[in-house]
Amino acid sequence: MNELANQIAVVTGAGRGIGRAIALKFAAAGADVACVSRTAENAEKVAQEIRALGRKAWAHAVDVADAAAVAAAAEAILAEAGRVDILVNNAGINRDGLLMRMSEADWDAVLDTNLKGAFSFTKGFSRAFLQQRAGRILNISSVIGLIGNAGQCNYSASKAGLIGFTQAVAKEFASRGITVNALAPGFVETDMTAVMTPESKAEIARRIPMHRMGRTEDIAEAALFLAGPGAGYITGQVLTVDGGLVM
């Protein structure tokens, strides 16, 4: 299947986990991909994997919390790729802690990366999207943005903010044929969850109706659908991919 044939995609946080899975899934579906990661090493590693699939790939090391760096990266990607058809705002971090003990630095770091990063990249490509009157924007939120979680007020706020951002931008861009949607993954086996104890993972699995944590492939498949031709009349929506945890 070549659902994304001749498409140019940009995936932030592409160096590992969900972002890497999405980047590779899009490439397998025919897209050329600009891989954005905090480190040049991770970005280039995934870019090489994509080139091995026979697709073009570009690697960019960007701190998405740095608005000036994002603007420069967006300009460079447009220059080298010619256009952008799909933007996936996936880059994210967590700095967990109870509110009464949370530092301002930890609050700012999470909001600047998870929420401002999506704003900056979307703004960076907005003129190109609007001029071509087509495009897909996908923001990776979280079930934690829907239901909250003790010890993650900064992460929850950033992911809830992404949902509001998604819906507002969807309304701004809809008349130009651009869809803007959000994915809300549940607990997924990534580096973020790898630090959990086996007991904690077992307790989470017990709470999930499907009795397992998600895989990055599960999220990538949902992203492919929302980025593909079958989702052309879907915008401003939040697709929860969580094994039934939030229902």
C-alpha atoms as a PDB file:
ATOM      1  CA  MET A   1       0.000   0.000   0.000  1.00  0.00           C
ATOM      2  CA  ASN A   2       1.243   3.486  -0.897  1.00  0.00           C
ATOM      3  CA  GLU A   3      -1.295   5.651   0.889  1.00  0.00           C
ATOM      4  CA  LEU A   4       1.235   8.466   1.228  1.00  0.00           C
ATOM      5  CA  ALA A   5       2.935   8.205  -2.162  1.00  0.00           C
ATOM      6  CA  ASN A   6       4.661  11.448  -3.202  1.00  0.00           C
ATOM      7  CA  GLN A   7       3.949  13.051   0.180  1.00  0.00           C
ATOM      8  CA  ILE A   8       6.469  14.958   2.300  1.00  0.00           C
ATOM      9  CA  ALA A   9       6.096  14.431   6.048  1.00  0.00           C
ATOM     10  CA  VAL A  10       7.767  16.117   9.002  1.00  0.00           C
ATOM     11  CA  VAL A  11       7.859  14.185  12.274  1.00  0.00           C
ATOM     12  CA  THR A  12       9.176  15.788  15.453  1.00  0.00           C
ATOM     13  CA  GLY A  13      10.555  13.604  18.192  1.00  0.00           C
ATOM     14  CA  ALA A  14      11.359  11.126  15.430  1.00  0.00           C
ATOM     15  CA  GLY A  15      14.523   9.782  17.032  1.00  0.00           C
ATOM     16  CA  ARG A  16      12.851   7.111  19.121  1.00  0.00           C
ATOM     17  CA  GLY A  17       9.603   5.642  20.411  1.00  0.00           C
ATOM     18  CA  ILE A  18       6.331   6.755  18.894  1.00  0.00           C
ATOM     19  CA  GLY A  19       7.963   9.339  16.619  1.00  0.00           C
ATOM     20  CA  ARG A  20      10.333   6.790  15.108  1.00  0.00           C
ATOM     21  CA  ALA A  21       7.477   4.328  14.561  1.00  0.00           C
ATOM     22  CA  ILE A  22       5.397   6.999  12.804  1.00  0.00           C
ATOM     23  CA  ALA A  23       8.302   8.127  10.622  1.00  0.00           C
ATOM     24  CA  LEU A  24       9.015   4.560   9.509  1.00  0.00           C
ATOM     25  CA  LYS A  25       5.326   3.795   8.968  1.00  0.00           C
ATOM     26  CA  PHE A  26       4.927   6.868   6.771  1.00  0.00           C
ATOM     27  CA  ALA A  27       8.020   5.956   4.771  1.00  0.00           C
ATOM     28  CA  ALA A  28       6.720   2.419   4.248  1.00  0.00           C
ATOM     29  CA  ALA A  29       3.520   4.001   2.926  1.00  0.00           C
ATOM     30  CA  GLY A  30       5.465   5.993   0.321  1.00  0.00           C
ATOM     31  CA  ALA A  31       6.292   9.287   2.043  1.00  0.00           C
ATOM     32  CA  ASP A  32       9.627  11.078   2.192  1.00  0.00           C
ATOM     33  CA  VAL A  33      10.296  12.169   5.760  1.00  0.00           C
ATOM     34  CA  ALA A  34      12.100  14.994   7.554  1.00  0.00           C
ATOM     35  CA  CYS A  35      13.163  13.533  10.891  1.00  0.00           C
ATOM     36  CA  VAL A  36      13.416  16.052  13.716  1.00  0.00           C
ATOM     37  CA  SER A  37      15.046  15.052  16.989  1.00  0.00           C
ATOM     38  CA  ARG A  38      16.837  16.815  19.810  1.00  0.00           C
ATOM     39  CA  THR A  39      20.104  15.127  18.831  1.00  0.00           C
ATOM     40  CA  ALA A  40      21.687  14.888  15.391  1.00  0.00           C
ATOM     41  CA  GLU A  41      22.658  11.274  16.071  1.00  0.00           C
ATOM     42  CA  ASN A  42      19.072  10.103  16.678  1.00  0.00           C
ATOM     43  CA  ALA A  43      17.689  12.114  13.771  1.00  0.00           C
ATOM     44  CA  GLU A  44      20.263  10.713  11.350  1.00  0.00           C
ATOM     45  CA  LYS A  45      19.825   7.155  12.592  1.00  0.00           C
ATOM     46  CA  VAL A  46      16.116   7.151  11.746  1.00  0.00           C
ATOM     47  CA  ALA A  47      16.763   8.996   8.491  1.00  0.00           C
ATOM     48  CA  GLN A  48      19.115   6.195   7.480  1.00  0.00           C
ATOM     49  CA  GLU A  49      16.446   3.603   8.275  1.00  0.00           C
ATOM     50  CA  ILE A  50      14.051   5.474   5.998  1.00  0.00           C
ATOM     51  CA  ARG A  51      16.577   5.694   3.183  1.00  0.00           C
ATOM     52  CA  ALA A  52      17.021   1.933   3.477  1.00  0.00           C
ATOM     53  CA  LEU A  53      13.311   1.675   2.591  1.00  0.00           C
ATOM     54  CA  GLY A  54      14.002   3.534  -0.642  1.00  0.00           C
ATOM     55  CA  ARG A  55      12.578   6.883   0.464  1.00  0.00           C
ATOM     56  CA  LYS A  56      14.211  10.279   0.862  1.00  0.00           C
ATOM     57  CA  ALA A  57      14.911  11.455   4.392  1.00  0.00           C
ATOM     58  CA  TRP A  58      16.379  14.546   6.001  1.00  0.00           C
ATOM     59  CA  ALA A  59      17.742  14.779   9.534  1.00  0.00           C
ATOM     60  CA  HIS A  60      17.426  17.885  11.689  1.00  0.00           C
ATOM     61  CA  ALA A  61      18.613  18.339  15.269  1.00  0.00           C
ATOM     62  CA  VAL A  62      16.215  20.816  16.861  1.00  0.00           C
ATOM     63  CA  ASP A  63      15.201  21.728  20.386  1.00  0.00           C
ATOM     64  CA  VAL A  64      11.515  22.299  19.706  1.00  0.00           C
ATOM     65  CA  ALA A  65      11.287  24.537  22.787  1.00  0.00           C
ATOM     66  CA  ASP A  66      13.498  27.058  20.953  1.00  0.00           C
ATOM     67  CA  ALA A  67      11.152  29.024  18.693  1.00  0.00           C
ATOM     68  CA  ALA A  68      13.971  30.565  16.658  1.00  0.00           C
ATOM     69  CA  ALA A  69      15.537  27.143  16.038  1.00  0.00           C
ATOM     70  CA  VAL A  70      12.171  25.765  14.957  1.00  0.00           C
ATOM     71  CA  ALA A  71      11.611  28.637  12.523  1.00  0.00           C
ATOM     72  CA  ALA A  72      15.040  28.057  10.998  1.00  0.00           C
ATOM     73  CA  ALA A  73      14.417  24.306  10.704  1.00  0.00           C
ATOM     74  CA  ALA A  74      11.038  24.831   9.045  1.00  0.00           C
ATOM     75  CA  GLU A  75      12.633  27.155   6.502  1.00  0.00           C
ATOM     76  CA  ALA A  76      15.424  24.651   5.819  1.00  0.00           C
ATOM     77  CA  ILE A  77      12.995  21.737   5.405  1.00  0.00           C
ATOM     78  CA  LEU A  78      10.873  23.671   2.934  1.00  0.00           C
ATOM     79  CA  ALA A  79      13.994  24.596   0.981  1.00  0.00           C
ATOM     80  CA  GLU A  80      15.310  21.040   0.744  1.00  0.00           C
ATOM     81  CA  ALA A  81      12.017  19.158   0.349  1.00  0.00           C
ATOM     82  CA  GLY A  82      10.119  21.750  -1.683  1.00  0.00           C
ATOM     83  CA  ARG A  83       6.928  21.483   0.336  1.00  0.00           C
ATOM     84  CA  VAL A  84       5.365  19.773   3.355  1.00  0.00           C
ATOM     85  CA  ASP A  85       2.158  17.752   3.179  1.00  0.00           C
ATOM     86  CA  ILE A  86       2.052  16.236   6.671  1.00  0.00           C
ATOM     87  CA  LEU A  87       3.229  17.573  10.018  1.00  0.00           C
ATOM     88  CA  VAL A  88       3.314  15.357  13.107  1.00  0.00           C
ATOM     89  CA  ASN A  89       3.968  17.260  16.338  1.00  0.00           C
ATOM     90  CA  ASN A  90       5.162  14.403  18.505  1.00  0.00           C
ATOM     91  CA  ALA A  91       8.171  15.737  20.433  1.00  0.00           C
ATOM     92  CA  GLY A  92       7.566  15.546  24.147  1.00  0.00           C
ATOM     93  CA  ILE A  93       9.200  15.185  27.546  1.00  0.00           C
ATOM     94  CA  ASN A  94       8.063  14.584  31.090  1.00  0.00           C
ATOM     95  CA  ARG A  95       9.365  16.006  34.362  1.00  0.00           C
ATOM     96  CA  ASP A  96       7.112  14.312  36.880  1.00  0.00           C
ATOM     97  CA  GLY A  97       6.533  15.400  40.465  1.00  0.00           C
ATOM     98  CA  LEU A  98       3.832  16.451  42.858  1.00  0.00           C
ATOM     99  CA  LEU A  99       2.628  20.020  42.355  1.00  0.00           C
ATOM    100  CA  MET A 100       3.802  21.243  45.769  1.00  0.00           C
ATOM    101  CA  ARG A 101       7.341  20.087  44.970  1.00  0.00           C
ATOM    102  CA  MET A 102       7.458  20.899  41.264  1.00  0.00           C
ATOM    103  CA  SER A 103       9.944  23.545  40.227  1.00  0.00           C
ATOM    104  CA  GLU A 104       9.090  26.334  37.842  1.00  0.00           C
ATOM    105  CA  ALA A 105      11.874  25.044  35.587  1.00  0.00           C
ATOM    106  CA  ASP A 106      10.236  21.611  35.327  1.00  0.00           C
ATOM    107  CA  TRP A 107       6.850  23.203  34.583  1.00  0.00           C
ATOM    108  CA  ASP A 108       8.325  25.452  31.890  1.00  0.00           C
ATOM    109  CA  ALA A 109      10.419  22.711  30.276  1.00  0.00           C
ATOM    110  CA  VAL A 110       7.419  20.437  29.735  1.00  0.00           C
ATOM    111  CA  LEU A 111       5.065  23.171  28.497  1.00  0.00           C
ATOM    112  CA  ASP A 112       7.721  24.690  26.240  1.00  0.00           C
ATOM    113  CA  THR A 113       8.553  21.348  24.629  1.00  0.00           C
ATOM    114  CA  ASN A 114       5.187  19.628  24.468  1.00  0.00           C
ATOM    115  CA  LEU A 115       2.916  22.580  23.734  1.00  0.00           C
ATOM    116  CA  LYS A 116       4.981  25.521  22.507  1.00  0.00           C
ATOM    117  CA  GLY A 117       6.946  23.189  20.262  1.00  0.00           C
ATOM    118  CA  ALA A 118       3.757  22.184  18.453  1.00  0.00           C
ATOM    119  CA  PHE A 119       2.737  25.838  18.162  1.00  0.00           C
ATOM    120  CA  SER A 120       6.113  26.834  16.735  1.00  0.00           C
ATOM    121  CA  PHE A 121       6.290  24.058  14.138  1.00  0.00           C
ATOM    122  CA  THR A 122       2.675  24.546  13.063  1.00  0.00           C
ATOM    123  CA  LYS A 123       3.280  28.264  12.710  1.00  0.00           C
ATOM    124  CA  GLY A 124       6.512  27.594  10.829  1.00  0.00           C
ATOM    125  CA  PHE A 125       4.700  25.608   8.142  1.00  0.00           C
ATOM    126  CA  SER A 126       1.352  27.432   8.264  1.00  0.00           C
ATOM    127  CA  ARG A 127       1.960  29.714   5.293  1.00  0.00           C
ATOM    128  CA  ALA A 128       3.052  26.784   3.114  1.00  0.00           C
ATOM    129  CA  PHE A 129       0.015  24.723   4.114  1.00  0.00           C
ATOM    130  CA  LEU A 130      -2.389  27.580   3.502  1.00  0.00           C
ATOM    131  CA  GLN A 131      -0.888  28.454   0.128  1.00  0.00           C
ATOM    132  CA  GLN A 132      -1.108  24.889  -1.169  1.00  0.00           C
ATOM    133  CA  ARG A 133      -4.645  24.536   0.263  1.00  0.00           C
ATOM    134  CA  ALA A 134      -3.997  21.005   1.465  1.00  0.00           C
ATOM    135  CA  GLY A 135      -2.287  19.217   4.294  1.00  0.00           C
ATOM    136  CA  ARG A 136      -2.521  17.099   7.399  1.00  0.00           C
ATOM    137  CA  ILE A 137      -1.446  18.197  10.866  1.00  0.00           C
ATOM    138  CA  LEU A 138      -1.392  15.634  13.644  1.00  0.00           C
ATOM    139  CA  ASN A 139      -0.652  16.472  17.273  1.00  0.00           C
ATOM    140  CA  ILE A 140       0.315  13.673  19.647  1.00  0.00           C
ATOM    141  CA  SER A 141      -1.518  14.308  22.896  1.00  0.00           C
ATOM    142  CA  SER A 142      -2.156  11.677  25.596  1.00  0.00           C
ATOM    143  CA  VAL A 143      -4.927  10.145  27.657  1.00  0.00           C
ATOM    144  CA  ILE A 144      -3.270  12.040  30.514  1.00  0.00           C
ATOM    145  CA  GLY A 145      -4.484  15.201  28.797  1.00  0.00           C
ATOM    146  CA  LEU A 146      -8.028  13.827  29.018  1.00  0.00           C
ATOM    147  CA  ILE A 147      -8.138  12.405  32.549  1.00  0.00           C
ATOM    148  CA  GLY A 148      -5.106  13.856  34.337  1.00  0.00           C
ATOM    149  CA  ASN A 149      -2.658  11.938  36.506  1.00  0.00           C
ATOM    150  CA  ALA A 150      -1.289  12.627  39.967  1.00  0.00           C
ATOM    151  CA  GLY A 151       2.312  13.760  39.814  1.00  0.00           C
ATOM    152  CA  GLN A 152       2.018  14.924  36.205  1.00  0.00           C
ATOM    153  CA  CYS A 153       0.238  18.282  36.365  1.00  0.00           C
ATOM    154  CA  ASN A 154       2.734  19.817  33.914  1.00  0.00           C
ATOM    155  CA  TYR A 155       2.520  16.905  31.455  1.00  0.00           C
ATOM    156  CA  SER A 156      -1.279  16.748  31.764  1.00  0.00           C
ATOM    157  CA  ALA A 157      -1.610  20.500  31.176  1.00  0.00           C
ATOM    158  CA  SER A 158       0.617  20.337  28.104  1.00  0.00           C
ATOM    159  CA  LYS A 159      -1.300  17.433  26.583  1.00  0.00           C
ATOM    160  CA  ALA A 160      -4.689  18.956  27.370  1.00  0.00           C
ATOM    161  CA  GLY A 161      -3.445  22.183  25.832  1.00  0.00           C
ATOM    162  CA  LEU A 162      -2.579  20.306  22.649  1.00  0.00           C
ATOM    163  CA  ILE A 163      -6.201  19.225  22.347  1.00  0.00           C
ATOM    164  CA  GLY A 164      -7.458  22.802  22.602  1.00  0.00           C
ATOM    165  CA  PHE A 165      -4.747  23.899  20.184  1.00  0.00           C
ATOM    166  CA  THR A 166      -5.805  21.169  17.748  1.00  0.00           C
ATOM    167  CA  GLN A 167      -9.436  22.214  17.772  1.00  0.00           C
ATOM    168  CA  ALA A 168      -8.702  25.924  17.390  1.00  0.00           C
ATOM    169  CA  VAL A 169      -6.271  25.460  14.497  1.00  0.00           C
ATOM    170  CA  ALA A 170      -8.656  22.976  12.850  1.00  0.00           C
ATOM    171  CA  LYS A 171     -11.259  25.730  12.711  1.00  0.00           C
ATOM    172  CA  GLU A 172      -8.761  28.227  11.316  1.00  0.00           C
ATOM    173  CA  PHE A 173      -7.478  25.910   8.575  1.00  0.00           C
ATOM    174  CA  ALA A 174     -10.573  23.916   7.583  1.00  0.00           C
ATOM    175  CA  SER A 175     -11.646  26.225   4.759  1.00  0.00           C
ATOM    176  CA  ARG A 176      -8.255  25.657   3.078  1.00  0.00           C
ATOM    177  CA  GLY A 177      -8.648  21.884   3.021  1.00  0.00           C
ATOM    178  CA  ILE A 178      -6.180  21.275   5.872  1.00  0.00           C
ATOM    179  CA  THR A 179      -7.125  18.788   8.573  1.00  0.00           C
ATOM    180  CA  VAL A 180      -5.839  19.094  12.137  1.00  0.00           C
ATOM    181  CA  ASN A 181      -6.360  16.188  14.518  1.00  0.00           C
ATOM    182  CA  ALA A 182      -4.908  14.772  17.709  1.00  0.00           C
ATOM    183  CA  LEU A 183      -3.975  11.287  18.841  1.00  0.00           C
ATOM    184  CA  ALA A 184      -4.268  10.455  22.524  1.00  0.00           C
ATOM    185  CA  PRO A 185      -2.176   7.351  23.218  1.00  0.00           C
ATOM    186  CA  GLY A 186      -2.638   5.447  26.438  1.00  0.00           C
ATOM    187  CA  PHE A 187       0.241   3.726  28.184  1.00  0.00           C
ATOM    188  CA  VAL A 188       2.700   2.687  25.474  1.00  0.00           C
ATOM    189  CA  GLU A 189       5.905   0.674  25.721  1.00  0.00           C
ATOM    190  CA  THR A 190       8.515   3.395  25.123  1.00  0.00           C
ATOM    191  CA  ASP A 191      11.567   4.814  26.871  1.00  0.00           C
ATOM    192  CA  MET A 192       9.228   6.855  29.081  1.00  0.00           C
ATOM    193  CA  THR A 193       7.528   3.737  30.446  1.00  0.00           C
ATOM    194  CA  ALA A 194      10.678   1.588  30.451  1.00  0.00           C
ATOM    195  CA  VAL A 195      11.680   3.088  33.795  1.00  0.00           C
ATOM    196  CA  MET A 196       8.533   1.725  35.460  1.00  0.00           C
ATOM    197  CA  THR A 197       8.833  -1.266  37.753  1.00  0.00           C
ATOM    198  CA  PRO A 198       7.348  -4.596  36.599  1.00  0.00           C
ATOM    199  CA  GLU A 199       4.777  -4.238  39.370  1.00  0.00           C
ATOM    200  CA  SER A 200       3.693  -0.820  38.092  1.00  0.00           C
ATOM    201  CA  LYS A 201       3.400  -2.133  34.533  1.00  0.00           C
ATOM    202  CA  ALA A 202       1.326  -5.089  35.736  1.00  0.00           C
ATOM    203  CA  GLU A 203      -1.005  -2.753  37.623  1.00  0.00           C
ATOM    204  CA  ILE A 204      -1.451  -0.569  34.541  1.00  0.00           C
ATOM    205  CA  ALA A 205      -2.171  -3.605  32.365  1.00  0.00           C
ATOM    206  CA  ARG A 206      -4.780  -4.726  34.879  1.00  0.00           C
ATOM    207  CA  ARG A 207      -6.603  -1.388  34.492  1.00  0.00           C
ATOM    208  CA  ILE A 208      -6.636  -1.577  30.688  1.00  0.00           C
ATOM    209  CA  PRO A 209      -9.598  -3.554  29.299  1.00  0.00           C
ATOM    210  CA  MET A 210      -7.336  -5.154  26.664  1.00  0.00           C
ATOM    211  CA  HIS A 211      -4.915  -6.145  29.466  1.00  0.00           C
ATOM    212  CA  ARG A 212      -1.746  -4.917  27.776  1.00  0.00           C
ATOM    213  CA  MET A 213       0.168  -1.732  27.213  1.00  0.00           C
ATOM    214  CA  GLY A 214       0.173  -0.308  23.730  1.00  0.00           C
ATOM    215  CA  ARG A 215       2.954  -0.703  21.189  1.00  0.00           C
ATOM    216  CA  THR A 216       4.418   2.134  19.165  1.00  0.00           C
ATOM    217  CA  GLU A 217       3.104   0.341  16.080  1.00  0.00           C
ATOM    218  CA  ASP A 218      -0.458   0.778  17.396  1.00  0.00           C
ATOM    219  CA  ILE A 219      -0.009   4.542  17.473  1.00  0.00           C
ATOM    220  CA  ALA A 220       1.744   4.619  14.089  1.00  0.00           C
ATOM    221  CA  GLU A 221      -1.161   2.792  12.432  1.00  0.00           C
ATOM    222  CA  ALA A 222      -3.634   5.358  13.787  1.00  0.00           C
ATOM    223  CA  ALA A 223      -1.369   8.184  12.637  1.00  0.00           C
ATOM    224  CA  LEU A 224      -1.203   6.679   9.143  1.00  0.00           C
ATOM    225  CA  PHE A 225      -4.983   6.624   8.945  1.00  0.00           C
ATOM    226  CA  LEU A 226      -5.363  10.267   9.985  1.00  0.00           C
ATOM    227  CA  ALA A 227      -2.592  11.319   7.580  1.00  0.00           C
ATOM    228  CA  GLY A 228      -3.972   9.306   4.693  1.00  0.00           C
ATOM    229  CA  PRO A 229      -6.616   9.872   2.027  1.00  0.00           C
ATOM    230  CA  GLY A 230      -9.366   8.139   4.007  1.00  0.00           C
ATOM    231  CA  ALA A 231      -9.380  10.845   6.682  1.00  0.00           C
ATOM    232  CA  GLY A 232      -9.951  13.827   4.408  1.00  0.00           C
ATOM    233  CA  TYR A 233     -13.249  14.761   6.076  1.00  0.00           C
ATOM    234  CA  ILE A 234     -12.068  14.331   9.670  1.00  0.00           C
ATOM    235  CA  THR A 235     -10.770  17.399  11.483  1.00  0.00           C
ATOM    236  CA  GLY A 236     -10.656  18.795  15.004  1.00  0.00           C
ATOM    237  CA  GLN A 237     -10.951  15.317  16.485  1.00  0.00           C
ATOM    238  CA  VAL A 238      -9.119  13.402  19.209  1.00  0.00           C
ATOM    239  CA  LEU A 239      -8.573   9.706  18.491  1.00  0.00           C
ATOM    240  CA  THR A 240      -7.843   7.797  21.680  1.00  0.00           C
ATOM    241  CA  VAL A 241      -5.598   4.763  21.192  1.00  0.00           C
ATOM    242  CA  ASP A 242      -5.479   3.224  24.646  1.00  0.00           C
ATOM    243  CA  GLY A 243      -6.851  -0.320  24.672  1.00  0.00           C
ATOM    244  CA  GLY A 244     -10.085   0.958  26.206  1.00  0.00           C
ATOM    245  CA  LEU A 245      -8.558   2.683  29.240  1.00  0.00           C
ATOM    246  CA  VAL A 246     -10.588   5.878  28.781  1.00  0.00           C
ATOM    247  CA  MET A 247     -14.188   5.000  28.036  1.00  0.00           C
END
